[in-house]
Amino acid sequence: MVKLYGIKNCDSVKKAIKFLKANEIDYELIDFKTTPVDCDTVAPWLKQIEMKKLFNTRGTTYRTLKLKELDLSEEQQLQWLCRENLLIKRPVLDLDGNITVAFDQEVYEKLFL
């Protein structure tokens, strides 16, 4: 089954859900607010996805925590992602262990249609 990680009220997550439902694709939503993920989940994603793509530097959480000022290493960024899931760019799609970050209509169509 497809796993979709994110938060329900995120516009990109909503678009991904709409696509999956419209194409009758079964999925499980793992909401970061109700079911946080830890490093055992996040670290393997970085074998397929670059940190700069996974670590959301444009969101409110990043600005609120003033992380830009800290000039974090990749290891420190990973620790922040594991501790504060809202720093993860959304949605994260796990299709049989293949990870895709962010919603892109064309990418989803290639994966599923």
N, C-alpha and C. Protein backbone atom coordinates (compact mmCIF):
# COMPACT_ATOMS: atom_id res chain seq x y z
N MET A 1 0.83 -1.19 0.00
CA MET A 1 0.00 0.00 0.00
C MET A 1 0.88 1.25 0.00
N VAL A 2 0.38 2.28 -0.63
CA VAL A 2 1.06 3.57 -0.70
C VAL A 2 0.95 4.26 0.66
N LYS A 3 2.07 4.81 1.12
CA LYS A 3 2.06 5.61 2.34
C LYS A 3 2.31 7.05 1.93
N LEU A 4 1.49 7.94 2.47
CA LEU A 4 1.61 9.36 2.19
C LEU A 4 1.83 10.06 3.52
N TYR A 5 2.98 10.71 3.65
CA TYR A 5 3.33 11.41 4.89
C TYR A 5 3.11 12.90 4.70
N GLY A 6 2.52 13.53 5.71
CA GLY A 6 2.30 14.97 5.64
C GLY A 6 1.34 15.40 6.72
N ILE A 7 0.64 16.50 6.47
CA ILE A 7 -0.42 16.95 7.38
C ILE A 7 -1.66 17.24 6.55
N LYS A 8 -2.81 16.95 7.15
CA LYS A 8 -4.09 17.02 6.43
C LYS A 8 -4.38 18.39 5.83
N ASN A 9 -3.98 19.46 6.50
CA ASN A 9 -4.36 20.79 6.02
C ASN A 9 -3.34 21.41 5.07
N CYS A 10 -2.32 20.67 4.67
CA CYS A 10 -1.32 21.16 3.71
C CYS A 10 -1.90 21.08 2.29
N ASP A 11 -1.79 22.15 1.53
CA ASP A 11 -2.35 22.18 0.18
C ASP A 11 -1.73 21.11 -0.73
N SER A 12 -0.43 20.90 -0.62
CA SER A 12 0.23 19.89 -1.46
C SER A 12 -0.24 18.48 -1.10
N VAL A 13 -0.43 18.24 0.18
CA VAL A 13 -0.94 16.94 0.62
C VAL A 13 -2.36 16.75 0.11
N LYS A 14 -3.17 17.79 0.18
CA LYS A 14 -4.55 17.72 -0.33
C LYS A 14 -4.57 17.37 -1.82
N LYS A 15 -3.64 17.97 -2.59
CA LYS A 15 -3.57 17.67 -4.03
C LYS A 15 -3.19 16.21 -4.26
N ALA A 16 -2.24 15.71 -3.47
CA ALA A 16 -1.82 14.31 -3.61
C ALA A 16 -2.97 13.37 -3.27
N ILE A 17 -3.69 13.67 -2.20
CA ILE A 17 -4.84 12.84 -1.80
C ILE A 17 -5.91 12.87 -2.89
N LYS A 18 -6.17 14.04 -3.42
CA LYS A 18 -7.17 14.17 -4.49
C LYS A 18 -6.78 13.30 -5.70
N PHE A 19 -5.49 13.34 -6.07
CA PHE A 19 -5.01 12.53 -7.18
C PHE A 19 -5.19 11.04 -6.89
N LEU A 20 -4.78 10.62 -5.71
CA LEU A 20 -4.87 9.20 -5.35
C LEU A 20 -6.32 8.72 -5.34
N LYS A 21 -7.21 9.53 -4.76
CA LYS A 21 -8.63 9.15 -4.72
C LYS A 21 -9.23 9.12 -6.12
N ALA A 22 -8.91 10.12 -6.94
CA ALA A 22 -9.46 10.20 -8.30
C ALA A 22 -9.04 8.99 -9.14
N ASN A 23 -7.88 8.44 -8.83
CA ASN A 23 -7.37 7.30 -9.59
C ASN A 23 -7.54 5.98 -8.85
N GLU A 24 -8.37 6.02 -7.80
CA GLU A 24 -8.73 4.82 -7.02
C GLU A 24 -7.50 4.06 -6.54
N ILE A 25 -6.54 4.81 -6.00
CA ILE A 25 -5.31 4.21 -5.48
C ILE A 25 -5.41 4.20 -3.95
N ASP A 26 -5.32 3.00 -3.38
CA ASP A 26 -5.36 2.87 -1.93
C ASP A 26 -4.11 3.50 -1.33
N TYR A 27 -4.30 4.22 -0.24
CA TYR A 27 -3.17 4.86 0.43
C TYR A 27 -3.45 4.95 1.91
N GLU A 28 -2.37 5.14 2.66
CA GLU A 28 -2.47 5.39 4.10
C GLU A 28 -1.83 6.74 4.35
N LEU A 29 -2.56 7.64 5.00
CA LEU A 29 -2.01 8.96 5.35
C LEU A 29 -1.40 8.87 6.74
N ILE A 30 -0.13 9.20 6.83
CA ILE A 30 0.54 9.31 8.13
C ILE A 30 0.68 10.79 8.39
N ASP A 31 -0.14 11.29 9.31
CA ASP A 31 -0.18 12.72 9.63
C ASP A 31 0.87 13.02 10.68
N PHE A 32 1.81 13.89 10.33
CA PHE A 32 2.90 14.24 11.24
C PHE A 32 2.41 14.78 12.58
N LYS A 33 1.24 15.41 12.58
CA LYS A 33 0.74 16.00 13.83
C LYS A 33 0.19 14.94 14.78
N THR A 34 -0.37 13.87 14.25
CA THR A 34 -0.96 12.85 15.11
C THR A 34 -0.08 11.60 15.24
N THR A 35 0.78 11.37 14.25
CA THR A 35 1.65 10.19 14.26
C THR A 35 3.05 10.62 13.83
N PRO A 36 3.81 11.26 14.72
CA PRO A 36 5.15 11.70 14.35
C PRO A 36 6.04 10.53 13.93
N VAL A 37 6.94 10.80 13.00
CA VAL A 37 7.90 9.78 12.57
C VAL A 37 9.27 10.10 13.17
N ASP A 38 10.08 9.06 13.35
CA ASP A 38 11.39 9.26 13.96
C ASP A 38 12.50 9.02 12.94
N CYS A 39 13.73 9.02 13.40
CA CYS A 39 14.89 8.86 12.50
C CYS A 39 14.90 7.51 11.81
N ASP A 40 14.30 6.50 12.41
CA ASP A 40 14.25 5.18 11.76
C ASP A 40 13.44 5.25 10.46
N THR A 41 12.52 6.18 10.38
CA THR A 41 11.73 6.38 9.17
C THR A 41 12.39 7.38 8.24
N VAL A 42 12.84 8.50 8.79
CA VAL A 42 13.36 9.60 7.97
C VAL A 42 14.73 9.31 7.37
N ALA A 43 15.65 8.76 8.14
CA ALA A 43 17.03 8.55 7.67
C ALA A 43 17.10 7.74 6.37
N PRO A 44 16.34 6.64 6.22
CA PRO A 44 16.40 5.89 4.96
C PRO A 44 15.94 6.70 3.73
N TRP A 45 15.06 7.67 3.95
CA TRP A 45 14.61 8.50 2.83
C TRP A 45 15.80 9.22 2.19
N LEU A 46 16.78 9.58 3.03
CA LEU A 46 17.93 10.35 2.54
C LEU A 46 18.88 9.53 1.68
N LYS A 47 18.64 8.24 1.57
CA LYS A 47 19.41 7.42 0.63
C LYS A 47 18.90 7.64 -0.79
N GLN A 48 17.67 8.16 -0.91
CA GLN A 48 17.08 8.40 -2.23
C GLN A 48 16.87 9.88 -2.53
N ILE A 49 16.70 10.67 -1.50
CA ILE A 49 16.36 12.08 -1.65
C ILE A 49 17.45 12.94 -1.01
N GLU A 50 17.86 14.00 -1.68
CA GLU A 50 18.85 14.90 -1.10
C GLU A 50 18.24 15.67 0.07
N MET A 51 19.08 15.98 1.04
CA MET A 51 18.61 16.73 2.21
C MET A 51 17.96 18.05 1.80
N LYS A 52 18.56 18.74 0.84
CA LYS A 52 18.00 20.05 0.46
C LYS A 52 16.59 19.92 -0.12
N LYS A 53 16.24 18.75 -0.63
CA LYS A 53 14.88 18.55 -1.15
C LYS A 53 13.92 18.16 -0.03
N LEU A 54 14.42 17.46 0.99
CA LEU A 54 13.56 16.99 2.07
C LEU A 54 13.37 18.03 3.17
N PHE A 55 14.40 18.83 3.41
CA PHE A 55 14.38 19.80 4.51
C PHE A 55 13.71 21.09 4.03
N ASN A 56 12.57 21.40 4.61
CA ASN A 56 11.77 22.55 4.17
C ASN A 56 12.27 23.85 4.80
N THR A 57 12.99 24.62 4.01
CA THR A 57 13.53 25.90 4.50
C THR A 57 12.59 27.07 4.19
N ARG A 58 11.44 26.79 3.60
CA ARG A 58 10.52 27.86 3.23
C ARG A 58 9.30 27.94 4.13
N GLY A 59 9.20 27.01 5.07
CA GLY A 59 8.01 26.95 5.90
C GLY A 59 8.07 27.80 7.16
N THR A 60 6.92 27.93 7.78
CA THR A 60 6.79 28.70 9.01
C THR A 60 7.63 28.12 10.13
N THR A 61 7.66 26.81 10.25
CA THR A 61 8.41 26.16 11.33
C THR A 61 9.89 26.51 11.25
N TYR A 62 10.46 26.48 10.06
CA TYR A 62 11.87 26.82 9.86
C TYR A 62 12.15 28.25 10.31
N ARG A 63 11.27 29.16 9.92
CA ARG A 63 11.46 30.57 10.28
C ARG A 63 11.26 30.79 11.78
N THR A 64 10.23 30.16 12.34
CA THR A 64 9.93 30.32 13.76
C THR A 64 11.09 29.82 14.63
N LEU A 65 11.70 28.71 14.24
CA LEU A 65 12.80 28.14 15.01
C LEU A 65 14.13 28.84 14.73
N LYS A 66 14.12 29.77 13.75
CA LYS A 66 15.33 30.54 13.38
C LYS A 66 16.51 29.63 13.05
N LEU A 67 16.23 28.58 12.29
CA LEU A 67 17.26 27.60 11.97
C LEU A 67 18.28 28.12 10.95
N LYS A 68 17.89 29.10 10.14
CA LYS A 68 18.83 29.64 9.15
C LYS A 68 20.07 30.20 9.86
N GLU A 69 19.85 30.81 11.00
CA GLU A 69 20.95 31.43 11.75
C GLU A 69 21.95 30.40 12.28
N LEU A 70 21.53 29.13 12.39
CA LEU A 70 22.38 28.10 12.99
C LEU A 70 23.35 27.46 12.00
N ASP A 71 23.14 27.66 10.69
CA ASP A 71 24.00 27.07 9.67
C ASP A 71 24.24 25.58 9.95
N LEU A 72 23.16 24.81 9.92
CA LEU A 72 23.18 23.40 10.31
C LEU A 72 23.91 22.50 9.31
N SER A 73 24.63 21.52 9.83
CA SER A 73 25.22 20.47 9.00
C SER A 73 24.08 19.53 8.59
N GLU A 74 24.37 18.61 7.66
CA GLU A 74 23.33 17.65 7.26
C GLU A 74 22.92 16.76 8.42
N GLU A 75 23.86 16.37 9.26
CA GLU A 75 23.54 15.54 10.43
C GLU A 75 22.63 16.30 11.38
N GLN A 76 22.90 17.57 11.59
CA GLN A 76 22.05 18.40 12.46
C GLN A 76 20.67 18.58 11.82
N GLN A 77 20.63 18.74 10.51
CA GLN A 77 19.34 18.86 9.83
C GLN A 77 18.52 17.59 10.03
N LEU A 78 19.18 16.43 9.89
CA LEU A 78 18.49 15.16 10.10
C LEU A 78 17.90 15.10 11.52
N GLN A 79 18.66 15.49 12.50
CA GLN A 79 18.17 15.48 13.89
C GLN A 79 16.95 16.39 14.04
N TRP A 80 16.98 17.54 13.39
CA TRP A 80 15.82 18.43 13.44
C TRP A 80 14.60 17.81 12.74
N LEU A 81 14.82 17.16 11.59
CA LEU A 81 13.70 16.52 10.88
C LEU A 81 13.05 15.46 11.75
N CYS A 82 13.87 14.71 12.48
CA CYS A 82 13.35 13.63 13.33
C CYS A 82 12.61 14.19 14.54
N ARG A 83 13.05 15.31 15.03
CA ARG A 83 12.47 15.92 16.23
C ARG A 83 11.26 16.79 15.89
N GLU A 84 11.32 17.44 14.73
CA GLU A 84 10.26 18.39 14.33
C GLU A 84 9.82 18.06 12.91
N ASN A 85 8.87 17.12 12.79
CA ASN A 85 8.44 16.62 11.48
C ASN A 85 7.90 17.70 10.55
N LEU A 86 7.44 18.80 11.08
CA LEU A 86 6.89 19.85 10.21
C LEU A 86 7.98 20.53 9.39
N LEU A 87 9.25 20.19 9.63
CA LEU A 87 10.35 20.67 8.80
C LEU A 87 10.52 19.83 7.54
N ILE A 88 9.80 18.72 7.46
CA ILE A 88 9.88 17.84 6.29
C ILE A 88 8.98 18.40 5.19
N LYS A 89 9.56 18.55 4.00
CA LYS A 89 8.78 19.02 2.86
C LYS A 89 7.71 17.99 2.55
N ARG A 90 6.51 18.46 2.26
CA ARG A 90 5.36 17.58 2.10
C ARG A 90 4.76 17.66 0.70
N PRO A 91 4.07 16.56 0.35
CA PRO A 91 4.02 15.27 1.00
C PRO A 91 5.23 14.40 0.65
N VAL A 92 5.45 13.40 1.48
CA VAL A 92 6.43 12.37 1.17
C VAL A 92 5.61 11.13 0.79
N LEU A 93 5.83 10.63 -0.40
CA LEU A 93 5.12 9.46 -0.90
C LEU A 93 6.07 8.27 -0.87
N ASP A 94 5.64 7.21 -0.21
CA ASP A 94 6.42 5.98 -0.16
C ASP A 94 5.66 4.92 -0.94
N LEU A 95 6.19 4.60 -2.11
CA LEU A 95 5.58 3.60 -2.98
C LEU A 95 6.52 2.40 -3.02
N ASP A 96 6.22 1.41 -2.19
CA ASP A 96 7.05 0.20 -2.10
C ASP A 96 8.52 0.52 -1.86
N GLY A 97 8.77 1.49 -0.99
CA GLY A 97 10.14 1.84 -0.65
C GLY A 97 10.76 2.90 -1.55
N ASN A 98 10.08 3.27 -2.61
CA ASN A 98 10.55 4.36 -3.48
C ASN A 98 9.94 5.67 -3.00
N ILE A 99 10.80 6.63 -2.71
CA ILE A 99 10.39 7.86 -2.06
C ILE A 99 10.31 9.01 -3.07
N THR A 100 9.22 9.75 -3.00
CA THR A 100 9.01 10.95 -3.80
C THR A 100 8.60 12.06 -2.84
N VAL A 101 9.18 13.24 -3.02
CA VAL A 101 8.87 14.37 -2.15
C VAL A 101 8.20 15.47 -2.95
N ALA A 102 7.16 16.05 -2.38
CA ALA A 102 6.36 17.13 -2.96
C ALA A 102 5.38 16.54 -3.97
N PHE A 103 4.32 17.27 -4.23
CA PHE A 103 3.35 16.79 -5.21
C PHE A 103 3.66 17.40 -6.56
N ASP A 104 3.81 16.53 -7.55
CA ASP A 104 4.01 16.94 -8.94
C ASP A 104 3.11 16.03 -9.77
N GLN A 105 2.11 16.61 -10.39
CA GLN A 105 1.11 15.86 -11.17
C GLN A 105 1.77 14.90 -12.16
N GLU A 106 2.76 15.39 -12.90
CA GLU A 106 3.41 14.55 -13.92
C GLU A 106 4.13 13.36 -13.29
N VAL A 107 4.82 13.60 -12.18
CA VAL A 107 5.53 12.51 -11.50
C VAL A 107 4.55 11.47 -11.01
N TYR A 108 3.45 11.91 -10.39
CA TYR A 108 2.44 10.97 -9.91
C TYR A 108 1.82 10.18 -11.05
N GLU A 109 1.57 10.85 -12.18
CA GLU A 109 1.01 10.14 -13.33
C GLU A 109 1.97 9.05 -13.82
N LYS A 110 3.28 9.35 -13.86
CA LYS A 110 4.26 8.35 -14.29
C LYS A 110 4.31 7.17 -13.31
N LEU A 111 4.18 7.47 -12.04
CA LEU A 111 4.24 6.42 -11.02
C LEU A 111 3.02 5.50 -11.05
N PHE A 112 1.85 6.08 -11.29
CA PHE A 112 0.61 5.33 -11.08
C PHE A 112 -0.21 5.03 -12.34
N LEU A 113 -0.04 5.77 -13.40
CA LEU A 113 -0.93 5.59 -14.55
C LEU A 113 -0.23 4.96 -15.75
